[in-house]
PDB file of all heavy atoms in Angstrom:
ATOM      1  N   ARG A   1     125.506 114.231  94.675  1.00  0.00           N
ATOM      2  CA  ARG A   1     124.786 114.341  95.945  1.00  0.00           C
ATOM      3  C   ARG A   1     124.292 115.773  96.155  1.00  0.00           C
ATOM      4  O   ARG A   1     123.168 115.993  96.605  1.00  0.00           O
ATOM      5  CB  ARG A   1     125.709 113.938  97.100  1.00  0.00           C
ATOM      6  CG  ARG A   1     125.029 113.928  98.455  1.00  0.00           C
ATOM      7  CD  ARG A   1     125.930 113.350  99.521  1.00  0.00           C
ATOM      8  NE  ARG A   1     125.186 112.905 100.681  1.00  0.00           N
ATOM      9  CZ  ARG A   1     125.630 112.032 101.578  1.00  0.00           C
ATOM     10  NH1 ARG A   1     126.838 111.495 101.406  1.00  0.00           N
ATOM     11  NH2 ARG A   1     124.908 111.701 102.610  1.00  0.00           N
ATOM     12  N   ARG A   2     125.118 116.731  95.830  1.00  0.00           N
ATOM     13  CA  ARG A   2     124.711 118.133  95.986  1.00  0.00           C
ATOM     14  C   ARG A   2     123.493 118.433  95.119  1.00  0.00           C
ATOM     15  O   ARG A   2     122.549 119.099  95.558  1.00  0.00           O
ATOM     16  CB  ARG A   2     125.877 119.074  95.633  1.00  0.00           C
ATOM     17  CG  ARG A   2     127.099 118.919  96.526  1.00  0.00           C
ATOM     18  CD  ARG A   2     128.026 120.110  96.430  1.00  0.00           C
ATOM     19  NE  ARG A   2     128.476 120.403  95.081  1.00  0.00           N
ATOM     20  CZ  ARG A   2     129.573 119.901  94.519  1.00  0.00           C
ATOM     21  NH1 ARG A   2     130.335 119.055  95.201  1.00  0.00           N
ATOM     22  NH2 ARG A   2     129.919 120.242  93.290  1.00  0.00           N
ATOM     23  N   ALA A   3     123.507 117.937  93.899  1.00  0.00           N
ATOM     24  CA  ALA A   3     122.383 118.182  92.987  1.00  0.00           C
ATOM     25  C   ALA A   3     121.100 117.532  93.494  1.00  0.00           C
ATOM     26  O   ALA A   3     120.002 118.071  93.296  1.00  0.00           O
ATOM     27  CB  ALA A   3     122.720 117.676  91.593  1.00  0.00           C
ATOM     28  N   SER A   4     121.224 116.399  94.171  1.00  0.00           N
ATOM     29  CA  SER A   4     120.034 115.677  94.635  1.00  0.00           C
ATOM     30  C   SER A   4     119.316 116.410  95.763  1.00  0.00           C
ATOM     31  O   SER A   4     118.158 116.116  96.071  1.00  0.00           O
ATOM     32  CB  SER A   4     120.419 114.276  95.114  1.00  0.00           C
ATOM     33  OG  SER A   4     121.143 114.326  96.345  1.00  0.00           O
ATOM     34  N   LEU A   5     120.000 117.367  96.402  1.00  0.00           N
ATOM     35  CA  LEU A   5     119.428 118.084  97.537  1.00  0.00           C
ATOM     36  C   LEU A   5     118.696 119.356  97.136  1.00  0.00           C
ATOM     37  O   LEU A   5     118.022 119.966  97.974  1.00  0.00           O
ATOM     38  CB  LEU A   5     120.525 118.425  98.551  1.00  0.00           C
ATOM     39  CG  LEU A   5     121.297 117.251  99.149  1.00  0.00           C
ATOM     40  CD1 LEU A   5     122.437 117.756 100.026  1.00  0.00           C
ATOM     41  CD2 LEU A   5     120.375 116.351  99.967  1.00  0.00           C
ATOM     42  N   VAL A   6     118.842 119.778  95.893  1.00  0.00           N
ATOM     43  CA  VAL A   6     118.261 121.044  95.458  1.00  0.00           C
ATOM     44  C   VAL A   6     116.742 121.032  95.669  1.00  0.00           C
ATOM     45  O   VAL A   6     116.053 120.060  95.349  1.00  0.00           O
ATOM     46  CB  VAL A   6     118.582 121.304  93.970  1.00  0.00           C
ATOM     47  CG1 VAL A   6     117.793 122.519  93.455  1.00  0.00           C
ATOM     48  CG2 VAL A   6     120.072 121.541  93.789  1.00  0.00           C
ATOM     49  N   PHE A   7     116.236 122.158  96.217  1.00  0.00           N
ATOM     50  CA  PHE A   7     114.812 122.244  96.519  1.00  0.00           C
ATOM     51  C   PHE A   7     114.340 123.692  96.360  1.00  0.00           C
ATOM     52  O   PHE A   7     115.020 124.606  96.826  1.00  0.00           O
ATOM     53  CB  PHE A   7     114.531 121.772  97.947  1.00  0.00           C
ATOM     54  CG  PHE A   7     113.073 121.835  98.327  1.00  0.00           C
ATOM     55  CD1 PHE A   7     112.188 120.871  97.880  1.00  0.00           C
ATOM     56  CD2 PHE A   7     112.605 122.874  99.109  1.00  0.00           C
ATOM     57  CE1 PHE A   7     110.857 120.932  98.226  1.00  0.00           C
ATOM     58  CE2 PHE A   7     111.259 122.935  99.460  1.00  0.00           C
ATOM     59  CZ  PHE A   7     110.384 121.966  99.013  1.00  0.00           C
ATOM     60  N   PRO A   8     113.209 123.934  95.752  1.00  0.00           N
ATOM     61  CA  PRO A   8     112.382 122.951  95.039  1.00  0.00           C
ATOM     62  C   PRO A   8     113.093 122.412  93.814  1.00  0.00           C
ATOM     63  O   PRO A   8     113.803 123.152  93.126  1.00  0.00           O
ATOM     64  CB  PRO A   8     111.137 123.765  94.632  1.00  0.00           C
ATOM     65  CG  PRO A   8     111.135 124.965  95.512  1.00  0.00           C
ATOM     66  CD  PRO A   8     112.574 125.266  95.775  1.00  0.00           C
ATOM     67  N   SER A   9     112.896 121.155  93.544  1.00  0.00           N
ATOM     68  CA  SER A   9     113.590 120.494  92.449  1.00  0.00           C
ATOM     69  C   SER A   9     112.798 120.607  91.154  1.00  0.00           C
ATOM     70  O   SER A   9     111.559 120.667  91.168  1.00  0.00           O
ATOM     71  CB  SER A   9     113.796 119.015  92.786  1.00  0.00           C
ATOM     72  OG  SER A   9     114.330 118.310  91.704  1.00  0.00           O
ATOM     73  N   ASP A  10     113.533 120.643  90.035  1.00  0.00           N
ATOM     74  CA  ASP A  10     112.863 120.614  88.730  1.00  0.00           C
ATOM     75  C   ASP A  10     112.221 119.260  88.454  1.00  0.00           C
ATOM     76  O   ASP A  10     111.302 119.151  87.655  1.00  0.00           O
ATOM     77  CB  ASP A  10     113.858 120.940  87.609  1.00  0.00           C
ATOM     78  CG  ASP A  10     114.359 122.370  87.685  1.00  0.00           C
ATOM     79  OD1 ASP A  10     113.625 123.212  88.235  1.00  0.00           O
ATOM     80  OD2 ASP A  10     115.474 122.643  87.209  1.00  0.00           O
ATOM     81  N   THR A  11     112.756 118.245  89.141  1.00  0.00           N
ATOM     82  CA  THR A  11     112.235 116.882  88.947  1.00  0.00           C
ATOM     83  C   THR A  11     111.151 116.611  89.993  1.00  0.00           C
ATOM     84  O   THR A  11     111.441 116.623  91.196  1.00  0.00           O
ATOM     85  CB  THR A  11     113.349 115.834  89.100  1.00  0.00           C
ATOM     86  OG1 THR A  11     114.407 116.154  88.189  1.00  0.00           O
ATOM     87  CG2 THR A  11     112.815 114.446  88.826  1.00  0.00           C
ATOM     88  N   PRO A  12     109.927 116.418  89.586  1.00  0.00           N
ATOM     89  CA  PRO A  12     108.861 116.157  90.571  1.00  0.00           C
ATOM     90  C   PRO A  12     109.107 114.855  91.313  1.00  0.00           C
ATOM     91  O   PRO A  12     109.698 113.913  90.780  1.00  0.00           O
ATOM     92  CB  PRO A  12     107.590 116.095  89.715  1.00  0.00           C
ATOM     93  CG  PRO A  12     108.058 115.752  88.341  1.00  0.00           C
ATOM     94  CD  PRO A  12     109.423 116.357  88.199  1.00  0.00           C
ATOM     95  N   ARG A  13     108.689 114.817  92.573  1.00  0.00           N
ATOM     96  CA  ARG A  13     108.826 113.588  93.347  1.00  0.00           C
ATOM     97  C   ARG A  13     107.940 112.499  92.752  1.00  0.00           C
ATOM     98  O   ARG A  13     106.838 112.770  92.262  1.00  0.00           O
ATOM     99  CB  ARG A  13     108.442 113.822  94.812  1.00  0.00           C
ATOM    100  CG  ARG A  13     109.301 114.857  95.534  1.00  0.00           C
ATOM    101  CD  ARG A  13     108.951 114.927  97.001  1.00  0.00           C
ATOM    102  NE  ARG A  13     109.514 113.801  97.731  1.00  0.00           N
ATOM    103  CZ  ARG A  13     109.198 113.511  98.985  1.00  0.00           C
ATOM    104  NH1 ARG A  13     108.313 114.218  99.632  1.00  0.00           N
ATOM    105  NH2 ARG A  13     109.755 112.476  99.597  1.00  0.00           N
ATOM    106  N   ALA A  14     108.434 111.290  92.812  1.00  0.00           N
ATOM    107  CA  ALA A  14     107.641 110.171  92.285  1.00  0.00           C
ATOM    108  C   ALA A  14     106.348 110.062  93.085  1.00  0.00           C
ATOM    109  O   ALA A  14     106.329 110.265  94.310  1.00  0.00           O
ATOM    110  CB  ALA A  14     108.437 108.883  92.399  1.00  0.00           C
ATOM    111  N   PRO A  15     105.237 109.751  92.406  1.00  0.00           N
ATOM    112  CA  PRO A  15     103.970 109.625  93.136  1.00  0.00           C
ATOM    113  C   PRO A  15     104.052 108.494  94.161  1.00  0.00           C
ATOM    114  O   PRO A  15     104.688 107.468  93.932  1.00  0.00           O
ATOM    115  CB  PRO A  15     102.956 109.312  92.033  1.00  0.00           C
ATOM    116  CG  PRO A  15     103.768 108.814  90.876  1.00  0.00           C
ATOM    117  CD  PRO A  15     105.101 109.499  90.968  1.00  0.00           C
ATOM    118  N   GLN A  16     103.415 108.738  95.302  1.00  0.00           N
ATOM    119  CA  GLN A  16     103.434 107.728  96.359  1.00  0.00           C
ATOM    120  C   GLN A  16     102.550 106.542  96.002  1.00  0.00           C
ATOM    121  O   GLN A  16     101.448 106.710  95.466  1.00  0.00           O
ATOM    122  CB  GLN A  16     102.929 108.322  97.674  1.00  0.00           C
ATOM    123  CG  GLN A  16     104.019 108.955  98.532  1.00  0.00           C
ATOM    124  CD  GLN A  16     103.488 109.246  99.914  1.00  0.00           C
ATOM    125  OE1 GLN A  16     102.722 110.156 100.103  1.00  0.00           O
ATOM    126  NE2 GLN A  16     103.910 108.453 100.877  1.00  0.00           N
ATOM    127  N   ALA A  17     103.047 105.358  96.307  1.00  0.00           N
ATOM    128  CA  ALA A  17     102.216 104.165  96.167  1.00  0.00           C
ATOM    129  C   ALA A  17     101.158 104.184  97.262  1.00  0.00           C
ATOM    130  O   ALA A  17     101.363 104.766  98.330  1.00  0.00           O
ATOM    131  CB  ALA A  17     103.083 102.924  96.278  1.00  0.00           C
ATOM    132  N   PRO A  18     100.023 103.582  97.014  1.00  0.00           N
ATOM    133  CA  PRO A  18      99.002 103.513  98.069  1.00  0.00           C
ATOM    134  C   PRO A  18      99.568 102.841  99.317  1.00  0.00           C
ATOM    135  O   PRO A  18     100.398 101.925  99.245  1.00  0.00           O
ATOM    136  CB  PRO A  18      97.905 102.653  97.430  1.00  0.00           C
ATOM    137  CG  PRO A  18      98.129 102.778  95.946  1.00  0.00           C
ATOM    138  CD  PRO A  18      99.605 102.932  95.766  1.00  0.00           C
ATOM    139  N   ALA A  19      99.152 103.336 100.457  1.00  0.00           N
ATOM    140  CA  ALA A  19      99.657 102.784 101.711  1.00  0.00           C
ATOM    141  C   ALA A  19      99.270 101.321 101.849  1.00  0.00           C
ATOM    142  O   ALA A  19      98.141 100.921 101.537  1.00  0.00           O
ATOM    143  CB  ALA A  19      99.095 103.582 102.881  1.00  0.00           C
ATOM    144  N   ASP A  20     100.223 100.520 102.326  1.00  0.00           N
ATOM    145  CA  ASP A  20      99.985  99.098 102.541  1.00  0.00           C
ATOM    146  C   ASP A  20      99.371  98.913 103.931  1.00  0.00           C
ATOM    147  O   ASP A  20     100.013  99.166 104.950  1.00  0.00           O
ATOM    148  CB  ASP A  20     101.306  98.335 102.438  1.00  0.00           C
ATOM    149  CG  ASP A  20     101.137  96.840 102.677  1.00  0.00           C
ATOM    150  OD1 ASP A  20      99.981  96.386 102.791  1.00  0.00           O
ATOM    151  OD2 ASP A  20     102.160  96.134 102.778  1.00  0.00           O
ATOM    152  N   VAL A  21      98.134  98.502 103.986  1.00  0.00           N
ATOM    153  CA  VAL A  21      97.460  98.297 105.274  1.00  0.00           C
ATOM    154  C   VAL A  21      97.161  96.814 105.491  1.00  0.00           C
ATOM    155  O   VAL A  21      96.276  96.468 106.275  1.00  0.00           O
ATOM    156  CB  VAL A  21      96.157  99.136 105.352  1.00  0.00           C
ATOM    157  CG1 VAL A  21      96.469 100.613 105.367  1.00  0.00           C
ATOM    158  CG2 VAL A  21      95.223  98.797 104.195  1.00  0.00           C
ATOM    159  N   SER A  22      97.928  95.970 104.813  1.00  0.00           N
ATOM    160  CA  SER A  22      97.688  94.532 104.929  1.00  0.00           C
ATOM    161  C   SER A  22      98.169  93.981 106.259  1.00  0.00           C
ATOM    162  O   SER A  22      97.717  92.922 106.695  1.00  0.00           O
ATOM    163  CB  SER A  22      98.371  93.786 103.774  1.00  0.00           C
ATOM    164  OG  SER A  22      99.772  93.998 103.805  1.00  0.00           O
ATOM    165  N   THR A  23      99.116  94.675 106.913  1.00  0.00           N
ATOM    166  CA  THR A  23      99.595  94.218 108.216  1.00  0.00           C
ATOM    167  C   THR A  23      98.908  94.991 109.328  1.00  0.00           C
ATOM    168  O   THR A  23      98.515  96.146 109.151  1.00  0.00           O
ATOM    169  CB  THR A  23     101.118  94.400 108.334  1.00  0.00           C
ATOM    170  OG1 THR A  23     101.450  95.779 108.098  1.00  0.00           O
ATOM    171  CG2 THR A  23     101.842  93.524 107.324  1.00  0.00           C
ATOM    172  N   ALA A  24      98.776  94.365 110.469  1.00  0.00           N
ATOM    173  CA  ALA A  24      98.096  94.990 111.604  1.00  0.00           C
ATOM    174  C   ALA A  24      98.926  96.160 112.133  1.00  0.00           C
ATOM    175  O   ALA A  24     100.138  96.196 111.976  1.00  0.00           O
ATOM    176  CB  ALA A  24      97.885  93.947 112.707  1.00  0.00           C
ATOM    177  N   PRO A  25      98.279  97.113 112.779  1.00  0.00           N
ATOM    178  CA  PRO A  25      99.034  98.228 113.360  1.00  0.00           C
ATOM    179  C   PRO A  25      99.979  97.747 114.441  1.00  0.00           C
ATOM    180  O   PRO A  25      99.664  96.830 115.205  1.00  0.00           O
ATOM    181  CB  PRO A  25      97.938  99.130 113.939  1.00  0.00           C
ATOM    182  CG  PRO A  25      96.733  98.265 114.084  1.00  0.00           C
ATOM    183  CD  PRO A  25      96.829  97.247 112.998  1.00  0.00           C
ATOM    184  N   THR A  26     101.128  98.389 114.482  1.00  0.00           N
ATOM    185  CA  THR A  26     102.100  98.083 115.536  1.00  0.00           C
ATOM    186  C   THR A  26     101.703  98.806 116.821  1.00  0.00           C
ATOM    187  O   THR A  26     100.787  99.627 116.842  1.00  0.00           O
ATOM    188  CB  THR A  26     103.501  98.533 115.118  1.00  0.00           C
ATOM    189  OG1 THR A  26     103.508  99.975 115.013  1.00  0.00           O
ATOM    190  CG2 THR A  26     103.914  97.918 113.795  1.00  0.00           C
ATOM    191  N   GLU A  27     102.450  98.513 117.876  1.00  0.00           N
ATOM    192  CA  GLU A  27     102.192  99.172 119.155  1.00  0.00           C
ATOM    193  C   GLU A  27     102.309 100.691 119.020  1.00  0.00           C
ATOM    194  O   GLU A  27     101.465 101.447 119.517  1.00  0.00           O
ATOM    195  CB  GLU A  27     103.181  98.660 120.205  1.00  0.00           C
ATOM    196  CG  GLU A  27     103.019  99.302 121.566  1.00  0.00           C
ATOM    197  CD  GLU A  27     104.062  98.779 122.550  1.00  0.00           C
ATOM    198  OE1 GLU A  27     105.267  99.040 122.340  1.00  0.00           O
ATOM    199  OE2 GLU A  27     103.661  98.126 123.524  1.00  0.00           O
ATOM    200  N   GLN A  28     103.340 101.142 118.332  1.00  0.00           N
ATOM    201  CA  GLN A  28     103.554 102.580 118.211  1.00  0.00           C
ATOM    202  C   GLN A  28     102.486 103.218 117.305  1.00  0.00           C
ATOM    203  O   GLN A  28     102.023 104.332 117.577  1.00  0.00           O
ATOM    204  CB  GLN A  28     104.946 102.880 117.665  1.00  0.00           C
ATOM    205  CG  GLN A  28     105.316 104.349 117.753  1.00  0.00           C
ATOM    206  CD  GLN A  28     106.790 104.626 117.631  1.00  0.00           C
ATOM    207  OE1 GLN A  28     107.297 105.582 118.210  1.00  0.00           O
ATOM    208  NE2 GLN A  28     107.494 103.821 116.867  1.00  0.00           N
ATOM    209  N   GLU A  29     102.085 102.521 116.262  1.00  0.00           N
ATOM    210  CA  GLU A  29     101.027 103.053 115.411  1.00  0.00           C
ATOM    211  C   GLU A  29      99.714 103.153 116.182  1.00  0.00           C
ATOM    212  O   GLU A  29      98.967 104.122 116.029  1.00  0.00           O
ATOM    213  CB  GLU A  29     100.855 102.180 114.176  1.00  0.00           C
ATOM    214  CG  GLU A  29     102.003 102.336 113.167  1.00  0.00           C
ATOM    215  CD  GLU A  29     101.862 101.410 111.975  1.00  0.00           C
ATOM    216  OE1 GLU A  29     101.448 100.241 112.170  1.00  0.00           O
ATOM    217  OE2 GLU A  29     102.183 101.850 110.860  1.00  0.00           O
ATOM    218  N   GLN A  30      99.412 102.154 117.004  1.00  0.00           N
ATOM    219  CA  GLN A  30      98.191 102.226 117.803  1.00  0.00           C
ATOM    220  C   GLN A  30      98.251 103.414 118.762  1.00  0.00           C
ATOM    221  O   GLN A  30      97.264 104.117 118.960  1.00  0.00           O
ATOM    222  CB  GLN A  30      97.979 100.921 118.578  1.00  0.00           C
ATOM    223  CG  GLN A  30      96.707 100.912 119.419  1.00  0.00           C
ATOM    224  CD  GLN A  30      96.273  99.512 119.816  1.00  0.00           C
ATOM    225  OE1 GLN A  30      96.014  98.661 118.974  1.00  0.00           O
ATOM    226  NE2 GLN A  30      96.190  99.280 121.121  1.00  0.00           N
ATOM    227  N   LEU A  31      99.429 103.650 119.341  1.00  0.00           N
ATOM    228  CA  LEU A  31      99.620 104.806 120.224  1.00  0.00           C
ATOM    229  C   LEU A  31      99.326 106.102 119.474  1.00  0.00           C
ATOM    230  O   LEU A  31      98.599 106.977 119.975  1.00  0.00           O
ATOM    231  CB  LEU A  31     101.063 104.823 120.741  1.00  0.00           C
ATOM    232  CG  LEU A  31     101.514 106.091 121.446  1.00  0.00           C
ATOM    233  CD1 LEU A  31     100.870 106.193 122.830  1.00  0.00           C
ATOM    234  CD2 LEU A  31     103.034 106.151 121.567  1.00  0.00           C
TER     235      LEU A  31
END
C-alpha cells in the first residue's frame, strides 16, 4: 500500500477509456 502511493510514480497511469455518454445526464451533472 505504501508503494502504491508514491508520487510521481515510475509506473505511468493507465490511459483513460473514452467517456461513456450513452446515458443521459443526471440531475447533478445538469447542474
